[in-house]
Amino acid sequence: MSDNTKLKISNGLNEDKYSVKSKFVNFFLLAMFTLFPLFYTDYYYNIRHDKYYFFLVVTAVLVLMIGAVAITNSDSQSGTKDKAESVPWCKKLSFTDYAFGAFILVCTVSTVFSQDPADAFLGLSGRNNGLLLMIFYAVVYFLITRFFCFKNYVFVALAGCSIAIYLLDILNCFYIDPLGMFASLTDEQTITNFTSTIGNKNLMSSFICIVMPVTVAFSVISKNRNHRIVYHISSAFGYMALMTADSYSGILGLGTVFAVLLIWFSRSVARLKRFFLATTIMLLSGKILRLFSFFMGDKSKGISEFQSLLVYSKIIWAAIALFAIITAILFFADSKTPDKTLPLAVPIIIGSIFVACIIAMLFAVYYFSVIDTKTNIGFL
């Protein structure tokens, strides 16, 4: 996160800092968090292009609105110049800003010297991932890091919309199609490749891996109980959706995120209890998915082998019980000594264990790929 974003977030509770430009940026994020995931025009046909053009249009509108405010100077709050305005623009840029600029420069050079510059610019042969899209990404990055001001409604809306996306994905996994998205598809193989209103199942896995860490984190750090409930519900449905997604990387990604969040929250008992509560709820939601599958006669697109272990295995009940006990102990400890802070050694120990696990996994990959290539390790 750049210094500019940290400044805006730290000022997020100050209404005087909530400028017109900040409102426009937040409205843009609101549209991207709610309308963008649900937007389509002709079911799954051209759904990638639908979302691509939606992003371009909404971003262009944001640029025009912020440009209008800048030209009319209607966002100024006083007649005196801020001291920061006297600082040269190049000194206001963070390392991330320069890195993003270098990335766009490399993309530009690559486009100019490509075999078909026009195609490379528009990304026609690369799923629209051309220089044009990269430029729009850069514009969004610089506008958000300059004008974003934290407001709860933006992320609560993201959690609310994600619940609808996840629910559609779960229902689609069991061939329940409330939007009639499958009606125009030709065969069973095609149906298994598309889900919800996101489209490709791999993109759905990416959506889950991006949104779930946000909702889990906010279920811990949010001070509003009602907001935390929405984040918990979103995380629970997200976990169920990830179980139905054909993505091992999604499971590994989620596991890594949880390890990082555990290290981050480990010094605060108040935050630690909410983190373990979120973990317990998600593991329990996997069993709710199992119950739903039972009532559906287990007729589904299929759940991958590793996900099946987390949904159908009885040993998960032991994990749920363990996390529930830890949660109860932490709630009791927090009620006795509120706002208690644990020693710095706690996150250091947890972080060391996490690093050791990563080293062990890398060694296992090396061992079974180079040294012992005959042992059958199954789906692992």
Protein backbone atom coordinates (compact mmCIF):
# COMPACT_ATOMS: atom_id res chain seq x y z
CA MET A 1 0.00 0.00 0.00
CA SER A 2 1.46 3.38 -0.95
CA ASP A 3 1.95 6.28 1.48
CA ASN A 4 -0.83 8.17 -0.29
CA THR A 5 -3.37 5.43 0.45
CA LYS A 6 -2.29 5.20 4.10
CA LEU A 7 -2.81 8.94 4.46
CA LYS A 8 -6.30 8.78 3.00
CA ILE A 9 -7.29 5.83 5.17
CA SER A 10 -5.99 7.51 8.29
CA ASN A 11 -8.10 10.53 7.46
CA GLY A 12 -11.12 8.41 6.62
CA LEU A 13 -12.98 9.25 9.81
CA ASN A 14 -12.57 12.98 9.30
CA GLU A 15 -15.58 14.24 7.36
CA ASP A 16 -13.72 17.42 6.35
CA LYS A 17 -11.34 15.27 4.31
CA TYR A 18 -14.18 13.53 2.46
CA SER A 19 -13.88 15.66 -0.65
CA VAL A 20 -15.94 15.50 -3.85
CA LYS A 21 -13.10 13.61 -5.54
CA SER A 22 -13.08 11.09 -2.71
CA LYS A 23 -16.82 10.60 -3.09
CA PHE A 24 -16.43 9.96 -6.82
CA VAL A 25 -13.70 7.37 -6.16
CA ASN A 26 -15.83 5.65 -3.54
CA PHE A 27 -18.84 5.60 -5.88
CA PHE A 28 -16.57 4.06 -8.53
CA LEU A 29 -15.50 1.35 -6.07
CA LEU A 30 -19.13 0.82 -5.10
CA ALA A 31 -20.02 0.23 -8.76
CA MET A 32 -17.08 -2.14 -9.24
CA PHE A 33 -17.89 -4.04 -6.04
CA THR A 34 -21.61 -4.47 -6.74
CA LEU A 35 -22.64 -3.89 -10.37
CA PHE A 36 -19.50 -5.22 -12.07
CA PRO A 37 -19.66 -8.81 -10.71
CA LEU A 38 -23.37 -9.08 -11.55
CA PHE A 39 -23.25 -7.38 -14.96
CA TYR A 40 -23.94 -9.37 -18.15
CA THR A 41 -25.98 -8.76 -21.30
CA ASP A 42 -26.43 -12.12 -23.04
CA TYR A 43 -25.92 -14.77 -20.37
CA TYR A 44 -22.44 -16.33 -20.72
CA TYR A 45 -22.01 -15.23 -24.34
CA ASN A 46 -19.55 -12.32 -24.47
CA ILE A 47 -19.55 -12.07 -20.68
CA ARG A 48 -15.82 -11.31 -20.65
CA HIS A 49 -16.34 -8.48 -23.12
CA ASP A 50 -19.34 -7.24 -21.12
CA LYS A 51 -17.24 -6.85 -17.99
CA TYR A 52 -14.29 -5.45 -19.93
CA TYR A 53 -16.35 -2.65 -21.47
CA PHE A 54 -18.16 -2.05 -18.19
CA PHE A 55 -14.81 -1.41 -16.51
CA LEU A 56 -13.62 0.89 -19.29
CA VAL A 57 -16.82 2.94 -19.31
CA VAL A 58 -17.08 3.30 -15.53
CA THR A 59 -13.39 4.25 -15.29
CA ALA A 60 -13.77 6.80 -18.08
CA VAL A 61 -16.75 8.34 -16.25
CA LEU A 62 -14.67 8.56 -13.07
CA VAL A 63 -11.84 10.34 -14.93
CA LEU A 64 -14.28 12.81 -16.49
CA MET A 65 -15.93 13.62 -13.15
CA ILE A 66 -12.65 14.10 -11.30
CA GLY A 67 -11.34 16.12 -14.26
CA ALA A 68 -14.40 18.38 -14.11
CA VAL A 69 -13.86 18.95 -10.40
CA ALA A 70 -10.19 19.75 -10.97
CA ILE A 71 -10.95 22.20 -13.81
CA THR A 72 -13.71 24.03 -11.93
CA ASN A 73 -11.72 23.91 -8.67
CA SER A 74 -14.98 23.08 -6.90
CA ASP A 75 -13.24 20.74 -4.49
CA SER A 76 -11.07 23.35 -2.81
CA GLN A 77 -11.84 23.86 0.85
CA SER A 78 -9.91 27.06 1.53
CA GLY A 79 -8.30 29.94 -0.24
CA THR A 80 -4.87 29.23 1.18
CA LYS A 81 -2.50 26.75 -0.39
CA ASP A 82 -1.56 23.66 1.48
CA LYS A 83 2.14 23.27 2.28
CA ALA A 84 2.10 19.97 0.38
CA GLU A 85 1.21 21.82 -2.82
CA SER A 86 4.61 23.53 -2.80
CA VAL A 87 6.42 20.19 -2.89
CA PRO A 88 7.48 19.12 -6.42
CA TRP A 89 5.20 16.42 -7.83
CA CYS A 90 8.07 13.98 -8.34
CA LYS A 91 8.85 14.02 -4.61
CA LYS A 92 5.25 13.10 -3.78
CA LEU A 93 5.54 9.78 -5.62
CA SER A 94 6.07 6.61 -3.62
CA PHE A 95 8.14 3.59 -4.59
CA THR A 96 4.95 1.83 -5.70
CA ASP A 97 4.10 4.80 -7.93
CA TYR A 98 7.45 4.59 -9.68
CA ALA A 99 7.11 0.79 -9.98
CA PHE A 100 3.70 1.14 -11.61
CA GLY A 101 5.06 3.79 -13.97
CA ALA A 102 7.95 1.50 -14.92
CA PHE A 103 5.48 -1.32 -15.57
CA ILE A 104 3.43 0.85 -17.94
CA LEU A 105 6.64 1.95 -19.68
CA VAL A 106 7.67 -1.68 -20.25
CA CYS A 107 4.17 -2.47 -21.57
CA THR A 108 4.39 0.50 -23.94
CA VAL A 109 7.78 -0.55 -25.30
CA SER A 110 6.52 -4.12 -25.71
CA THR A 111 3.48 -2.86 -27.61
CA VAL A 112 5.45 -0.59 -29.94
CA PHE A 113 7.91 -3.32 -30.90
CA SER A 114 5.36 -6.13 -31.14
CA GLN A 115 4.52 -7.82 -34.41
CA ASP A 116 1.06 -6.23 -34.44
CA PRO A 117 1.04 -3.03 -32.32
CA ALA A 118 -2.67 -2.43 -32.85
CA ASP A 119 -3.53 -5.91 -31.62
CA ALA A 120 -1.13 -5.56 -28.69
CA PHE A 121 -2.66 -2.20 -27.77
CA LEU A 122 -6.23 -3.51 -27.72
CA GLY A 123 -5.33 -7.04 -26.58
CA LEU A 124 -7.60 -8.64 -29.15
CA SER A 125 -5.62 -11.88 -29.19
CA GLY A 126 -4.96 -11.88 -25.45
CA ARG A 127 -8.37 -11.66 -23.78
CA ASN A 128 -8.31 -7.85 -23.99
CA ASN A 129 -5.18 -7.67 -21.83
CA GLY A 130 -3.54 -5.07 -24.03
CA LEU A 131 -1.80 -1.79 -23.31
CA LEU A 132 -5.15 0.01 -23.20
CA LEU A 133 -6.31 -2.06 -20.25
CA MET A 134 -2.96 -1.61 -18.50
CA ILE A 135 -3.28 2.16 -18.87
CA PHE A 136 -6.77 2.05 -17.38
CA TYR A 137 -5.39 -0.02 -14.48
CA ALA A 138 -2.75 2.65 -13.92
CA VAL A 139 -5.36 5.41 -13.97
CA VAL A 140 -7.48 3.58 -11.40
CA TYR A 141 -4.43 2.94 -9.23
CA PHE A 142 -3.35 6.59 -9.16
CA LEU A 143 -6.87 7.93 -8.57
CA ILE A 144 -7.57 5.52 -5.71
CA THR A 145 -4.23 6.10 -3.99
CA ARG A 146 -4.77 9.88 -4.19
CA PHE A 147 -8.46 10.27 -3.41
CA PHE A 148 -9.72 7.15 -1.67
CA CYS A 149 -11.23 7.86 1.75
CA PHE A 150 -12.29 4.87 3.82
CA LYS A 151 -16.04 4.49 4.28
CA ASN A 152 -17.69 1.38 5.70
CA TYR A 153 -20.50 1.27 3.16
CA VAL A 154 -18.07 0.50 0.32
CA PHE A 155 -16.85 -2.76 1.84
CA VAL A 156 -20.16 -3.75 3.38
CA ALA A 157 -21.60 -3.47 -0.15
CA LEU A 158 -18.77 -5.68 -1.43
CA ALA A 159 -19.60 -8.30 1.20
CA GLY A 160 -23.33 -8.12 0.41
CA CYS A 161 -22.82 -8.50 -3.34
CA SER A 162 -20.33 -11.32 -2.85
CA ILE A 163 -22.96 -13.28 -0.91
CA ALA A 164 -25.20 -13.23 -4.01
CA ILE A 165 -22.28 -14.26 -6.24
CA TYR A 166 -21.27 -17.10 -3.92
CA LEU A 167 -24.85 -18.34 -3.54
CA LEU A 168 -25.32 -18.49 -7.31
CA ASP A 169 -22.05 -20.41 -7.62
CA ILE A 170 -23.12 -22.95 -4.99
CA LEU A 171 -26.54 -23.43 -6.59
CA ASN A 172 -24.97 -23.74 -10.05
CA CYS A 173 -22.67 -26.46 -8.73
CA PHE A 174 -25.80 -28.53 -8.01
CA TYR A 175 -27.35 -27.65 -11.38
CA ILE A 176 -29.80 -25.17 -9.84
CA ASP A 177 -29.93 -22.27 -12.30
CA PRO A 178 -32.21 -19.46 -11.01
CA LEU A 179 -31.04 -16.98 -13.68
CA GLY A 180 -31.40 -19.45 -16.55
CA MET A 181 -27.73 -19.02 -17.46
CA PHE A 182 -27.29 -22.67 -18.49
CA ALA A 183 -30.29 -22.77 -20.82
CA SER A 184 -28.35 -21.40 -23.80
CA LEU A 185 -25.29 -23.63 -23.29
CA THR A 186 -24.98 -26.62 -25.56
CA ASP A 187 -23.52 -29.47 -23.53
CA GLU A 188 -22.65 -30.71 -20.06
CA GLN A 189 -18.95 -30.04 -20.50
CA THR A 190 -19.60 -26.37 -21.20
CA ILE A 191 -21.90 -26.08 -18.20
CA THR A 192 -19.15 -27.31 -15.87
CA ASN A 193 -16.81 -24.54 -17.09
CA PHE A 194 -19.10 -21.61 -16.22
CA THR A 195 -20.66 -20.49 -12.99
CA SER A 196 -22.52 -17.63 -11.28
CA THR A 197 -22.40 -14.25 -13.07
CA ILE A 198 -18.60 -14.20 -13.14
CA GLY A 199 -18.26 -16.62 -16.05
CA ASN A 200 -15.28 -18.95 -16.26
CA LYS A 201 -14.84 -21.13 -13.18
CA ASN A 202 -11.16 -20.12 -12.90
CA LEU A 203 -12.17 -16.47 -12.74
CA MET A 204 -14.69 -17.42 -10.05
CA SER A 205 -11.88 -18.95 -8.00
CA SER A 206 -9.88 -15.74 -8.45
CA PHE A 207 -12.87 -13.67 -7.33
CA ILE A 208 -13.19 -15.77 -4.17
CA CYS A 209 -9.46 -15.52 -3.40
CA ILE A 210 -9.56 -11.73 -3.75
CA VAL A 211 -12.77 -11.01 -1.83
CA MET A 212 -12.60 -13.57 1.00
CA PRO A 213 -9.41 -12.20 2.61
CA VAL A 214 -11.07 -8.76 2.66
CA THR A 215 -14.26 -9.97 4.32
CA VAL A 216 -12.38 -12.14 6.82
CA ALA A 217 -10.12 -9.24 7.79
CA PHE A 218 -13.06 -6.86 8.18
CA SER A 219 -14.97 -9.44 10.24
CA VAL A 220 -12.12 -9.04 12.72
CA ILE A 221 -11.23 -5.34 12.61
CA SER A 222 -14.67 -3.80 12.07
CA LYS A 223 -16.06 -2.07 15.18
CA ASN A 224 -19.69 -2.34 14.06
CA ARG A 225 -21.31 -5.63 15.11
CA ASN A 226 -23.88 -5.60 12.29
CA HIS A 227 -21.12 -5.09 9.75
CA ARG A 228 -19.16 -7.98 11.25
CA ILE A 229 -22.23 -10.21 10.86
CA VAL A 230 -22.43 -9.36 7.15
CA TYR A 231 -18.70 -10.07 6.74
CA HIS A 232 -19.06 -13.42 8.56
CA ILE A 233 -21.97 -14.44 6.31
CA SER A 234 -20.00 -13.45 3.21
CA SER A 235 -16.92 -15.39 4.38
CA ALA A 236 -19.05 -18.47 5.15
CA PHE A 237 -20.65 -18.46 1.70
CA GLY A 238 -17.24 -17.72 0.17
CA TYR A 239 -15.80 -20.80 1.86
CA MET A 240 -18.64 -22.95 0.51
CA ALA A 241 -18.16 -21.47 -2.96
CA LEU A 242 -14.43 -22.22 -2.79
CA MET A 243 -15.24 -25.82 -1.92
CA THR A 244 -17.31 -26.10 -5.10
CA ALA A 245 -14.62 -24.41 -7.20
CA ASP A 246 -12.15 -26.63 -9.05
CA SER A 247 -9.08 -24.87 -7.73
CA TYR A 248 -6.29 -26.30 -5.58
CA SER A 249 -4.48 -22.97 -5.79
CA GLY A 250 -7.52 -21.33 -4.22
CA ILE A 251 -7.19 -23.56 -1.16
CA LEU A 252 -3.45 -22.89 -0.91
CA GLY A 253 -4.05 -19.16 -1.34
CA LEU A 254 -6.70 -19.10 1.37
CA GLY A 255 -4.45 -21.08 3.70
CA THR A 256 -1.62 -18.60 3.17
CA VAL A 257 -3.93 -15.65 3.80
CA PHE A 258 -5.18 -17.20 7.04
CA ALA A 259 -1.61 -17.77 8.22
CA VAL A 260 -0.72 -14.13 7.51
CA LEU A 261 -3.90 -12.87 9.21
CA LEU A 262 -3.19 -15.07 12.24
CA ILE A 263 0.26 -13.50 12.57
CA TRP A 264 -1.24 -10.02 12.10
CA PHE A 265 -3.95 -10.45 14.76
CA SER A 266 -1.99 -12.61 17.20
CA ARG A 267 -1.00 -9.85 19.64
CA SER A 268 -4.56 -8.67 20.34
CA VAL A 269 -6.83 -11.04 22.27
CA ALA A 270 -9.91 -9.11 21.09
CA ARG A 271 -8.95 -9.54 17.44
CA LEU A 272 -7.69 -13.06 17.92
CA LYS A 273 -11.05 -14.21 19.30
CA ARG A 274 -12.86 -12.79 16.25
CA PHE A 275 -10.36 -14.42 13.92
CA PHE A 276 -10.91 -17.87 15.44
CA LEU A 277 -14.66 -17.24 15.39
CA ALA A 278 -14.44 -16.51 11.65
CA THR A 279 -12.39 -19.69 11.13
CA THR A 280 -14.90 -21.78 13.09
CA ILE A 281 -17.84 -20.36 11.13
CA MET A 282 -16.17 -21.11 7.80
CA LEU A 283 -15.28 -24.69 8.70
CA LEU A 284 -18.85 -25.17 9.92
CA SER A 285 -20.18 -23.74 6.65
CA GLY A 286 -18.35 -26.55 4.87
CA LYS A 287 -20.47 -29.03 6.81
CA ILE A 288 -23.60 -27.05 5.91
CA LEU A 289 -22.56 -27.50 2.29
CA ARG A 290 -22.26 -31.23 2.97
CA LEU A 291 -25.81 -31.24 4.35
CA PHE A 292 -27.08 -29.38 1.29
CA SER A 293 -25.30 -31.89 -0.96
CA PHE A 294 -26.99 -34.72 0.95
CA PHE A 295 -30.46 -33.27 0.33
CA MET A 296 -29.57 -32.82 -3.36
CA GLY A 297 -28.65 -36.50 -3.59
CA ASP A 298 -24.99 -35.51 -4.11
CA LYS A 299 -25.88 -34.61 -7.69
CA SER A 300 -23.38 -31.91 -8.57
CA LYS A 301 -20.74 -30.88 -11.07
CA GLY A 302 -18.28 -32.56 -8.75
CA ILE A 303 -16.09 -31.40 -5.89
CA SER A 304 -12.32 -31.81 -6.25
CA GLU A 305 -10.51 -34.36 -4.15
CA PHE A 306 -8.86 -31.92 -1.76
CA GLN A 307 -12.06 -29.88 -1.30
CA SER A 308 -13.95 -33.12 -0.67
CA LEU A 309 -11.59 -33.79 2.23
CA LEU A 310 -12.61 -30.47 3.81
CA VAL A 311 -16.34 -31.03 3.18
CA TYR A 312 -17.00 -34.74 3.63
CA SER A 313 -14.26 -35.85 6.03
CA LYS A 314 -15.38 -36.52 9.62
CA ILE A 315 -12.04 -35.31 10.97
CA ILE A 316 -13.13 -31.75 10.16
CA TRP A 317 -15.60 -32.01 13.05
CA ALA A 318 -12.58 -32.35 15.35
CA ALA A 319 -11.07 -29.21 13.83
CA ILE A 320 -14.37 -27.35 14.28
CA ALA A 321 -14.54 -28.43 17.93
CA LEU A 322 -10.92 -27.38 18.51
CA PHE A 323 -11.40 -23.92 16.99
CA ALA A 324 -14.70 -23.49 18.86
CA ILE A 325 -12.96 -24.24 22.17
CA ILE A 326 -10.13 -21.82 21.38
CA THR A 327 -12.71 -19.18 20.45
CA ALA A 328 -14.60 -19.68 23.72
CA ILE A 329 -11.38 -19.44 25.76
CA LEU A 330 -10.37 -16.22 23.98
CA PHE A 331 -13.83 -14.70 24.49
CA PHE A 332 -13.60 -15.53 28.20
CA ALA A 333 -10.07 -14.12 28.46
CA ASP A 334 -11.10 -10.91 26.68
CA SER A 335 -14.07 -10.47 29.01
CA LYS A 336 -11.76 -10.72 32.03
CA THR A 337 -9.00 -8.47 30.71
CA PRO A 338 -10.30 -6.31 27.82
CA ASP A 339 -7.84 -4.94 25.27
CA LYS A 340 -5.10 -7.28 26.46
CA THR A 341 -1.97 -7.32 24.29
CA LEU A 342 0.13 -10.45 24.02
CA PRO A 343 3.96 -10.39 23.92
CA LEU A 344 5.79 -9.74 20.64
CA ALA A 345 7.16 -13.28 20.87
CA VAL A 346 3.72 -14.69 19.92
CA PRO A 347 3.64 -13.42 16.28
CA ILE A 348 7.36 -14.21 15.96
CA ILE A 349 6.78 -17.84 16.98
CA ILE A 350 3.73 -18.20 14.73
CA GLY A 351 5.60 -16.59 11.83
CA SER A 352 8.56 -18.91 12.36
CA ILE A 353 6.27 -21.95 12.27
CA PHE A 354 4.67 -20.64 9.07
CA VAL A 355 8.07 -20.13 7.41
CA ALA A 356 9.17 -23.61 8.50
CA CYS A 357 6.02 -25.10 6.93
CA ILE A 358 6.75 -23.29 3.65
CA ILE A 359 10.34 -24.59 3.64
CA ALA A 360 9.06 -28.12 4.33
CA MET A 361 6.56 -27.88 1.46
CA LEU A 362 9.24 -26.60 -0.94
CA PHE A 363 11.55 -29.42 0.10
CA ALA A 364 8.74 -31.95 -0.46
CA VAL A 365 8.15 -30.56 -3.95
CA TYR A 366 11.87 -30.79 -4.71
CA TYR A 367 12.20 -34.29 -3.19
CA PHE A 368 9.31 -35.86 -5.11
CA SER A 369 10.17 -34.00 -8.32
CA VAL A 370 13.93 -34.64 -8.46
CA ILE A 371 15.05 -37.28 -5.96
CA ASP A 372 12.14 -39.69 -5.61
CA THR A 373 10.18 -39.62 -8.87
CA LYS A 374 8.69 -43.12 -8.54
CA THR A 375 6.51 -42.74 -5.44
CA ASN A 376 2.87 -42.15 -6.28
CA ILE A 377 1.61 -39.26 -4.09
CA GLY A 378 -1.88 -39.19 -5.62
CA PHE A 379 -3.67 -35.88 -6.07
CA LEU A 380 -1.08 -34.12 -3.88
